[in-house]
Amino acid sequence: MPWLLFLASLAALVIAFRTTSVGLLVFCLLVSLVLGLTGLMQLLARRVGSRSRDESMMVDPEVLRRMREQAEARKAVDPRQP
């Protein structure tokens, strides 16, 4: 989808450079800027989303506390374990 926005932005730039109307020029330049920035933000959002962790895989603090208690209990029973 971002690439379609970039193509539309490029098309707006082409129209802006070929027109003789000042109003159409300003409109096309603004449209090109908005489409380009929107495409860039979508690319960045995809990149950040692909590198983020799945929240469902995170350990709940309560579960983590219980796991620490169990580890301490095992350590107290057998002091040779690291």
PDB file of N, CA and C in Angstrom:
ATOM      1  N   MET A   1       0.802  -1.199   0.000  1.00  0.00           N
ATOM      2  CA  MET A   1       0.000   0.000   0.000  1.00  0.00           C
ATOM      3  C   MET A   1       0.853   1.274   0.000  1.00  0.00           C
ATOM      4  N   PRO A   2       1.963   1.312   0.766  1.00  0.00           N
ATOM      5  CA  PRO A   2       2.742   2.554   0.758  1.00  0.00           C
ATOM      6  C   PRO A   2       3.290   2.884  -0.626  1.00  0.00           C
ATOM      7  N   TRP A   3       3.583   1.854  -1.394  1.00  0.00           N
ATOM      8  CA  TRP A   3       4.145   2.110  -2.716  1.00  0.00           C
ATOM      9  C   TRP A   3       3.104   2.735  -3.636  1.00  0.00           C
ATOM     10  N   LEU A   4       1.842   2.392  -3.449  1.00  0.00           N
ATOM     11  CA  LEU A   4       0.784   3.040  -4.223  1.00  0.00           C
ATOM     12  C   LEU A   4       0.667   4.515  -3.845  1.00  0.00           C
ATOM     13  N   LEU A   5       0.854   4.794  -2.564  1.00  0.00           N
ATOM     14  CA  LEU A   5       0.832   6.193  -2.131  1.00  0.00           C
ATOM     15  C   LEU A   5       2.005   6.969  -2.725  1.00  0.00           C
ATOM     16  N   PHE A   6       3.159   6.334  -2.795  1.00  0.00           N
ATOM     17  CA  PHE A   6       4.317   6.995  -3.405  1.00  0.00           C
ATOM     18  C   PHE A   6       4.094   7.245  -4.898  1.00  0.00           C
ATOM     19  N   LEU A   7       3.459   6.287  -5.565  1.00  0.00           N
ATOM     20  CA  LEU A   7       3.162   6.480  -6.987  1.00  0.00           C
ATOM     21  C   LEU A   7       2.150   7.610  -7.185  1.00  0.00           C
ATOM     22  N   ALA A   8       1.141   7.659  -6.330  1.00  0.00           N
ATOM     23  CA  ALA A   8       0.156   8.741  -6.416  1.00  0.00           C
ATOM     24  C   ALA A   8       0.816  10.085  -6.114  1.00  0.00           C
ATOM     25  N   SER A   9       1.744  10.092  -5.185  1.00  0.00           N
ATOM     26  CA  SER A   9       2.484  11.317  -4.864  1.00  0.00           C
ATOM     27  C   SER A   9       3.313  11.767  -6.060  1.00  0.00           C
ATOM     28  N   LEU A  10       3.938  10.825  -6.729  1.00  0.00           N
ATOM     29  CA  LEU A  10       4.724  11.144  -7.921  1.00  0.00           C
ATOM     30  C   LEU A  10       3.822  11.667  -9.038  1.00  0.00           C
ATOM     31  N   ALA A  11       2.645  11.063  -9.184  1.00  0.00           N
ATOM     32  CA  ALA A  11       1.707  11.532 -10.209  1.00  0.00           C
ATOM     33  C   ALA A  11       1.254  12.964  -9.904  1.00  0.00           C
ATOM     34  N   ALA A  12       1.020  13.265  -8.631  1.00  0.00           N
ATOM     35  CA  ALA A  12       0.630  14.629  -8.258  1.00  0.00           C
ATOM     36  C   ALA A  12       1.762  15.610  -8.555  1.00  0.00           C
ATOM     37  N   LEU A  13       3.004  15.186  -8.348  1.00  0.00           N
ATOM     38  CA  LEU A  13       4.140  16.050  -8.675  1.00  0.00           C
ATOM     39  C   LEU A  13       4.226  16.310 -10.182  1.00  0.00           C
ATOM     40  N   VAL A  14       3.990  15.269 -10.974  1.00  0.00           N
ATOM     41  CA  VAL A  14       4.029  15.432 -12.433  1.00  0.00           C
ATOM     42  C   VAL A  14       2.954  16.413 -12.876  1.00  0.00           C
ATOM     43  N   ILE A  15       1.774  16.267 -12.315  1.00  0.00           N
ATOM     44  CA  ILE A  15       0.694  17.193 -12.659  1.00  0.00           C
ATOM     45  C   ILE A  15       1.065  18.612 -12.234  1.00  0.00           C
ATOM     46  N   ALA A  16       1.678  18.744 -11.059  1.00  0.00           N
ATOM     47  CA  ALA A  16       2.055  20.067 -10.568  1.00  0.00           C
ATOM     48  C   ALA A  16       3.074  20.739 -11.488  1.00  0.00           C
ATOM     49  N   PHE A  17       4.017  19.968 -12.010  1.00  0.00           N
ATOM     50  CA  PHE A  17       5.038  20.556 -12.878  1.00  0.00           C
ATOM     51  C   PHE A  17       4.520  20.865 -14.279  1.00  0.00           C
ATOM     52  N   ARG A  18       3.456  20.205 -14.691  1.00  0.00           N
ATOM     53  CA  ARG A  18       2.945  20.407 -16.049  1.00  0.00           C
ATOM     54  C   ARG A  18       1.797  21.409 -16.134  1.00  0.00           C
ATOM     55  N   THR A  19       1.256  21.814 -15.017  1.00  0.00           N
ATOM     56  CA  THR A  19       0.102  22.699 -15.043  1.00  0.00           C
ATOM     57  C   THR A  19       0.519  24.168 -15.197  1.00  0.00           C
ATOM     58  N   THR A  20      -0.413  24.964 -15.696  1.00  0.00           N
ATOM     59  CA  THR A  20      -0.169  26.402 -15.801  1.00  0.00           C
ATOM     60  C   THR A  20      -0.984  27.164 -14.770  1.00  0.00           C
ATOM     61  N   SER A  21      -1.839  26.459 -14.039  1.00  0.00           N
ATOM     62  CA  SER A  21      -2.685  27.080 -13.032  1.00  0.00           C
ATOM     63  C   SER A  21      -1.963  27.079 -11.683  1.00  0.00           C
ATOM     64  N   VAL A  22      -1.892  28.229 -11.043  1.00  0.00           N
ATOM     65  CA  VAL A  22      -1.220  28.333  -9.749  1.00  0.00           C
ATOM     66  C   VAL A  22      -2.010  27.592  -8.672  1.00  0.00           C
ATOM     67  N   GLY A  23      -3.313  27.678  -8.722  1.00  0.00           N
ATOM     68  CA  GLY A  23      -4.145  26.982  -7.745  1.00  0.00           C
ATOM     69  C   GLY A  23      -3.974  25.474  -7.810  1.00  0.00           C
ATOM     70  N   LEU A  24      -3.984  24.947  -9.037  1.00  0.00           N
ATOM     71  CA  LEU A  24      -3.777  23.508  -9.209  1.00  0.00           C
ATOM     72  C   LEU A  24      -2.365  23.108  -8.796  1.00  0.00           C
ATOM     73  N   LEU A  25      -1.395  23.955  -9.046  1.00  0.00           N
ATOM     74  CA  LEU A  25      -0.014  23.691  -8.654  1.00  0.00           C
ATOM     75  C   LEU A  25       0.093  23.540  -7.140  1.00  0.00           C
ATOM     76  N   VAL A  26      -0.472  24.494  -6.396  1.00  0.00           N
ATOM     77  CA  VAL A  26      -0.418  24.444  -4.937  1.00  0.00           C
ATOM     78  C   VAL A  26      -1.158  23.224  -4.414  1.00  0.00           C
ATOM     79  N   PHE A  27      -2.328  22.959  -4.968  1.00  0.00           N
ATOM     80  CA  PHE A  27      -3.106  21.796  -4.543  1.00  0.00           C
ATOM     81  C   PHE A  27      -2.336  20.498  -4.780  1.00  0.00           C
ATOM     82  N   CYS A  28      -1.757  20.345  -5.959  1.00  0.00           N
ATOM     83  CA  CYS A  28      -1.026  19.116  -6.283  1.00  0.00           C
ATOM     84  C   CYS A  28       0.225  18.966  -5.422  1.00  0.00           C
ATOM     85  N   LEU A  29       0.897  20.060  -5.124  1.00  0.00           N
ATOM     86  CA  LEU A  29       2.071  19.982  -4.254  1.00  0.00           C
ATOM     87  C   LEU A  29       1.682  19.563  -2.840  1.00  0.00           C
ATOM     88  N   LEU A  30       0.579  20.098  -2.342  1.00  0.00           N
ATOM     89  CA  LEU A  30       0.111  19.694  -1.014  1.00  0.00           C
ATOM     90  C   LEU A  30      -0.311  18.228  -0.991  1.00  0.00           C
ATOM     91  N   VAL A  31      -1.028  17.815  -2.029  1.00  0.00           N
ATOM     92  CA  VAL A  31      -1.443  16.409  -2.119  1.00  0.00           C
ATOM     93  C   VAL A  31      -0.215  15.495  -2.191  1.00  0.00           C
ATOM     94  N   SER A  32       0.767  15.898  -2.968  1.00  0.00           N
ATOM     95  CA  SER A  32       1.987  15.108  -3.083  1.00  0.00           C
ATOM     96  C   SER A  32       2.706  14.997  -1.741  1.00  0.00           C
ATOM     97  N   LEU A  33       2.781  16.100  -1.011  1.00  0.00           N
ATOM     98  CA  LEU A  33       3.426  16.084   0.297  1.00  0.00           C
ATOM     99  C   LEU A  33       2.692  15.178   1.272  1.00  0.00           C
ATOM    100  N   VAL A  34       1.381  15.291   1.320  1.00  0.00           N
ATOM    101  CA  VAL A  34       0.587  14.478   2.244  1.00  0.00           C
ATOM    102  C   VAL A  34       0.686  12.996   1.893  1.00  0.00           C
ATOM    103  N   LEU A  35       0.582  12.669   0.621  1.00  0.00           N
ATOM    104  CA  LEU A  35       0.675  11.262   0.211  1.00  0.00           C
ATOM    105  C   LEU A  35       2.058  10.690   0.483  1.00  0.00           C
ATOM    106  N   GLY A  36       3.088  11.473   0.231  1.00  0.00           N
ATOM    107  CA  GLY A  36       4.451  11.006   0.489  1.00  0.00           C
ATOM    108  C   GLY A  36       4.693  10.757   1.968  1.00  0.00           C
ATOM    109  N   LEU A  37       4.251  11.679   2.816  1.00  0.00           N
ATOM    110  CA  LEU A  37       4.425  11.498   4.255  1.00  0.00           C
ATOM    111  C   LEU A  37       3.594  10.337   4.785  1.00  0.00           C
ATOM    112  N   THR A  38       2.406  10.166   4.247  1.00  0.00           N
ATOM    113  CA  THR A  38       1.571   9.039   4.667  1.00  0.00           C
ATOM    114  C   THR A  38       2.213   7.708   4.278  1.00  0.00           C
ATOM    115  N   GLY A  39       2.754   7.633   3.088  1.00  0.00           N
ATOM    116  CA  GLY A  39       3.445   6.415   2.670  1.00  0.00           C
ATOM    117  C   GLY A  39       4.662   6.134   3.529  1.00  0.00           C
ATOM    118  N   LEU A  40       5.413   7.167   3.857  1.00  0.00           N
ATOM    119  CA  LEU A  40       6.591   7.004   4.707  1.00  0.00           C
ATOM    120  C   LEU A  40       6.194   6.523   6.101  1.00  0.00           C
ATOM    121  N   MET A  41       5.137   7.090   6.655  1.00  0.00           N
ATOM    122  CA  MET A  41       4.689   6.669   7.978  1.00  0.00           C
ATOM    123  C   MET A  41       4.207   5.216   7.968  1.00  0.00           C
ATOM    124  N   GLN A  42       3.578   4.798   6.880  1.00  0.00           N
ATOM    125  CA  GLN A  42       3.142   3.401   6.797  1.00  0.00           C
ATOM    126  C   GLN A  42       4.336   2.461   6.714  1.00  0.00           C
ATOM    127  N   LEU A  43       5.360   2.844   5.970  1.00  0.00           N
ATOM    128  CA  LEU A  43       6.564   2.011   5.916  1.00  0.00           C
ATOM    129  C   LEU A  43       7.224   1.902   7.283  1.00  0.00           C
ATOM    130  N   LEU A  44       7.316   3.010   7.987  1.00  0.00           N
ATOM    131  CA  LEU A  44       7.910   2.991   9.321  1.00  0.00           C
ATOM    132  C   LEU A  44       7.070   2.172  10.292  1.00  0.00           C
ATOM    133  N   ALA A  45       5.761   2.272  10.204  1.00  0.00           N
ATOM    134  CA  ALA A  45       4.888   1.502  11.090  1.00  0.00           C
ATOM    135  C   ALA A  45       5.040   0.001  10.833  1.00  0.00           C
ATOM    136  N   ARG A  46       5.175  -0.377   9.585  1.00  0.00           N
ATOM    137  CA  ARG A  46       5.392  -1.795   9.270  1.00  0.00           C
ATOM    138  C   ARG A  46       6.717  -2.285   9.835  1.00  0.00           C
ATOM    139  N   ARG A  47       7.744  -1.462   9.722  1.00  0.00           N
ATOM    140  CA  ARG A  47       9.062  -1.865  10.212  1.00  0.00           C
ATOM    141  C   ARG A  47       9.053  -2.017  11.732  1.00  0.00           C
ATOM    142  N   VAL A  48       8.448  -1.074  12.417  1.00  0.00           N
ATOM    143  CA  VAL A  48       8.369  -1.157  13.878  1.00  0.00           C
ATOM    144  C   VAL A  48       7.509  -2.351  14.289  1.00  0.00           C
ATOM    145  N   GLY A  49       6.413  -2.567  13.598  1.00  0.00           N
ATOM    146  CA  GLY A  49       5.537  -3.691  13.920  1.00  0.00           C
ATOM    147  C   GLY A  49       6.191  -5.038  13.702  1.00  0.00           C
ATOM    148  N   SER A  50       7.056  -5.139  12.715  1.00  0.00           N
ATOM    149  CA  SER A  50       7.709  -6.418  12.449  1.00  0.00           C
ATOM    150  C   SER A  50       8.805  -6.725  13.457  1.00  0.00           C
ATOM    151  N   ARG A  51       9.314  -5.707  14.138  1.00  0.00           N
ATOM    152  CA  ARG A  51      10.387  -5.913  15.111  1.00  0.00           C
ATOM    153  C   ARG A  51       9.906  -5.962  16.550  1.00  0.00           C
ATOM    154  N   SER A  52       8.640  -5.752  16.790  1.00  0.00           N
ATOM    155  CA  SER A  52       8.149  -5.750  18.166  1.00  0.00           C
ATOM    156  C   SER A  52       7.814  -7.170  18.611  1.00  0.00           C
ATOM    157  N   ARG A  53       7.866  -7.372  19.913  1.00  0.00           N
ATOM    158  CA  ARG A  53       7.573  -8.694  20.469  1.00  0.00           C
ATOM    159  C   ARG A  53       6.077  -8.906  20.578  1.00  0.00           C
ATOM    160  N   ASP A  54       5.704 -10.169  20.590  1.00  0.00           N
ATOM    161  CA  ASP A  54       4.303 -10.532  20.784  1.00  0.00           C
ATOM    162  C   ASP A  54       3.977 -10.391  22.267  1.00  0.00           C
ATOM    163  N   GLU A  55       2.999  -9.573  22.589  1.00  0.00           N
ATOM    164  CA  GLU A  55       2.666  -9.322  23.984  1.00  0.00           C
ATOM    165  C   GLU A  55       2.095 -10.555  24.676  1.00  0.00           C
ATOM    166  N   SER A  56       1.530 -11.476  23.933  1.00  0.00           N
ATOM    167  CA  SER A  56       0.973 -12.675  24.557  1.00  0.00           C
ATOM    168  C   SER A  56       2.077 -13.601  25.072  1.00  0.00           C
ATOM    169  N   MET A  57       3.308 -13.415  24.603  1.00  0.00           N
ATOM    170  CA  MET A  57       4.423 -14.246  25.050  1.00  0.00           C
ATOM    171  C   MET A  57       5.095 -13.692  26.309  1.00  0.00           C
ATOM    172  N   MET A  58       4.698 -12.507  26.731  1.00  0.00           N
ATOM    173  CA  MET A  58       5.290 -11.908  27.930  1.00  0.00           C
ATOM    174  C   MET A  58       4.758 -12.598  29.181  1.00  0.00           C
ATOM    175  N   VAL A  59       5.621 -12.691  30.194  1.00  0.00           N
ATOM    176  CA  VAL A  59       5.253 -13.349  31.447  1.00  0.00           C
ATOM    177  C   VAL A  59       4.587 -12.331  32.361  1.00  0.00           C
ATOM    178  N   ASP A  60       3.488 -12.746  32.931  1.00  0.00           N
ATOM    179  CA  ASP A  60       2.752 -11.911  33.876  1.00  0.00           C
ATOM    180  C   ASP A  60       3.604 -11.722  35.133  1.00  0.00           C
ATOM    181  N   PRO A  61       3.606 -10.543  35.741  1.00  0.00           N
ATOM    182  CA  PRO A  61       4.423 -10.327  36.943  1.00  0.00           C
ATOM    183  C   PRO A  61       4.100 -11.295  38.080  1.00  0.00           C
ATOM    184  N   GLU A  62       2.848 -11.671  38.213  1.00  0.00           N
ATOM    185  CA  GLU A  62       2.465 -12.614  39.260  1.00  0.00           C
ATOM    186  C   GLU A  62       3.062 -13.999  38.977  1.00  0.00           C
ATOM    187  N   VAL A  63       3.020 -14.425  37.749  1.00  0.00           N
ATOM    188  CA  VAL A  63       3.612 -15.711  37.370  1.00  0.00           C
ATOM    189  C   VAL A  63       5.125 -15.660  37.569  1.00  0.00           C
ATOM    190  N   LEU A  64       5.739 -14.547  37.210  1.00  0.00           N
ATOM    191  CA  LEU A  64       7.172 -14.391  37.395  1.00  0.00           C
ATOM    192  C   LEU A  64       7.549 -14.466  38.876  1.00  0.00           C
ATOM    193  N   ARG A  65       6.749 -13.861  39.745  1.00  0.00           N
ATOM    194  CA  ARG A  65       7.004 -13.918  41.187  1.00  0.00           C
ATOM    195  C   ARG A  65       6.922 -15.359  41.694  1.00  0.00           C
ATOM    196  N   ARG A  66       5.897 -16.110  41.230  1.00  0.00           N
ATOM    197  CA  ARG A  66       5.772 -17.510  41.639  1.00  0.00           C
ATOM    198  C   ARG A  66       6.942 -18.343  41.146  1.00  0.00           C
ATOM    199  N   MET A  67       7.404 -18.074  39.932  1.00  0.00           N
ATOM    200  CA  MET A  67       8.542 -18.824  39.402  1.00  0.00           C
ATOM    201  C   MET A  67       9.805 -18.546  40.221  1.00  0.00           C
ATOM    202  N   ARG A  68       9.987 -17.291  40.652  1.00  0.00           N
ATOM    203  CA  ARG A  68      11.143 -16.961  41.495  1.00  0.00           C
ATOM    204  C   ARG A  68      11.050 -17.670  42.841  1.00  0.00           C
ATOM    205  N   GLU A  69       9.859 -17.689  43.417  1.00  0.00           N
ATOM    206  CA  GLU A  69       9.682 -18.377  44.697  1.00  0.00           C
ATOM    207  C   GLU A  69       9.983 -19.860  44.561  1.00  0.00           C
ATOM    208  N   GLN A  70       9.528 -20.475  43.473  1.00  0.00           N
ATOM    209  CA  GLN A  70       9.805 -21.893  43.260  1.00  0.00           C
ATOM    210  C   GLN A  70      11.297 -22.137  43.085  1.00  0.00           C
ATOM    211  N   ALA A  71      11.974 -21.248  42.368  1.00  0.00           N
ATOM    212  CA  ALA A  71      13.409 -21.399  42.176  1.00  0.00           C
ATOM    213  C   ALA A  71      14.160 -21.247  43.493  1.00  0.00           C
ATOM    214  N   GLU A  72      13.728 -20.297  44.316  1.00  0.00           N
ATOM    215  CA  GLU A  72      14.362 -20.120  45.622  1.00  0.00           C
ATOM    216  C   GLU A  72      14.115 -21.333  46.515  1.00  0.00           C
ATOM    217  N   ALA A  73      12.907 -21.909  46.439  1.00  0.00           N
ATOM    218  CA  ALA A  73      12.599 -23.094  47.233  1.00  0.00           C
ATOM    219  C   ALA A  73      13.460 -24.275  46.788  1.00  0.00           C
ATOM    220  N   ARG A  74      13.637 -24.452  45.496  1.00  0.00           N
ATOM    221  CA  ARG A  74      14.510 -25.531  45.001  1.00  0.00           C
ATOM    222  C   ARG A  74      15.950 -25.300  45.426  1.00  0.00           C
ATOM    223  N   LYS A  75      16.377 -24.060  45.415  1.00  0.00           N
ATOM    224  CA  LYS A  75      17.745 -23.720  45.803  1.00  0.00           C
ATOM    225  C   LYS A  75      17.962 -23.987  47.295  1.00  0.00           C
ATOM    226  N   ALA A  76      16.937 -23.721  48.106  1.00  0.00           N
ATOM    227  CA  ALA A  76      17.050 -23.969  49.550  1.00  0.00           C
ATOM    228  C   ALA A  76      17.111 -25.455  49.841  1.00  0.00           C
ATOM    229  N   VAL A  77      16.440 -26.277  49.055  1.00  0.00           N
ATOM    230  CA  VAL A  77      16.448 -27.727  49.265  1.00  0.00           C
ATOM    231  C   VAL A  77      17.782 -28.311  48.832  1.00  0.00           C
ATOM    232  N   ASP A  78      18.310 -27.892  47.706  1.00  0.00           N
ATOM    233  CA  ASP A  78      19.581 -28.429  47.184  1.00  0.00           C
ATOM    234  C   ASP A  78      20.545 -27.258  46.945  1.00  0.00           C
ATOM    235  N   PRO A  79      21.408 -26.945  47.923  1.00  0.00           N
ATOM    236  CA  PRO A  79      22.264 -25.765  47.785  1.00  0.00           C
ATOM    237  C   PRO A  79      23.353 -25.919  46.720  1.00  0.00           C
ATOM    238  N   ARG A  80      23.570 -27.122  46.189  1.00  0.00           N
ATOM    239  CA  ARG A  80      24.603 -27.308  45.161  1.00  0.00           C
ATOM    240  C   ARG A  80      24.186 -26.739  43.801  1.00  0.00           C
ATOM    241  N   GLN A  81      22.906 -26.565  43.581  1.00  0.00           N
ATOM    242  CA  GLN A  81      22.442 -26.028  42.283  1.00  0.00           C
ATOM    243  C   GLN A  81      22.738 -24.547  42.223  1.00  0.00           C
ATOM    244  N   PRO A  82      23.131 -24.049  41.038  1.00  0.00           N
ATOM    245  CA  PRO A  82      23.453 -22.618  40.893  1.00  0.00           C
ATOM    246  C   PRO A  82      22.237 -21.735  40.934  1.00  0.00           C
TER     247      PRO A  82
END
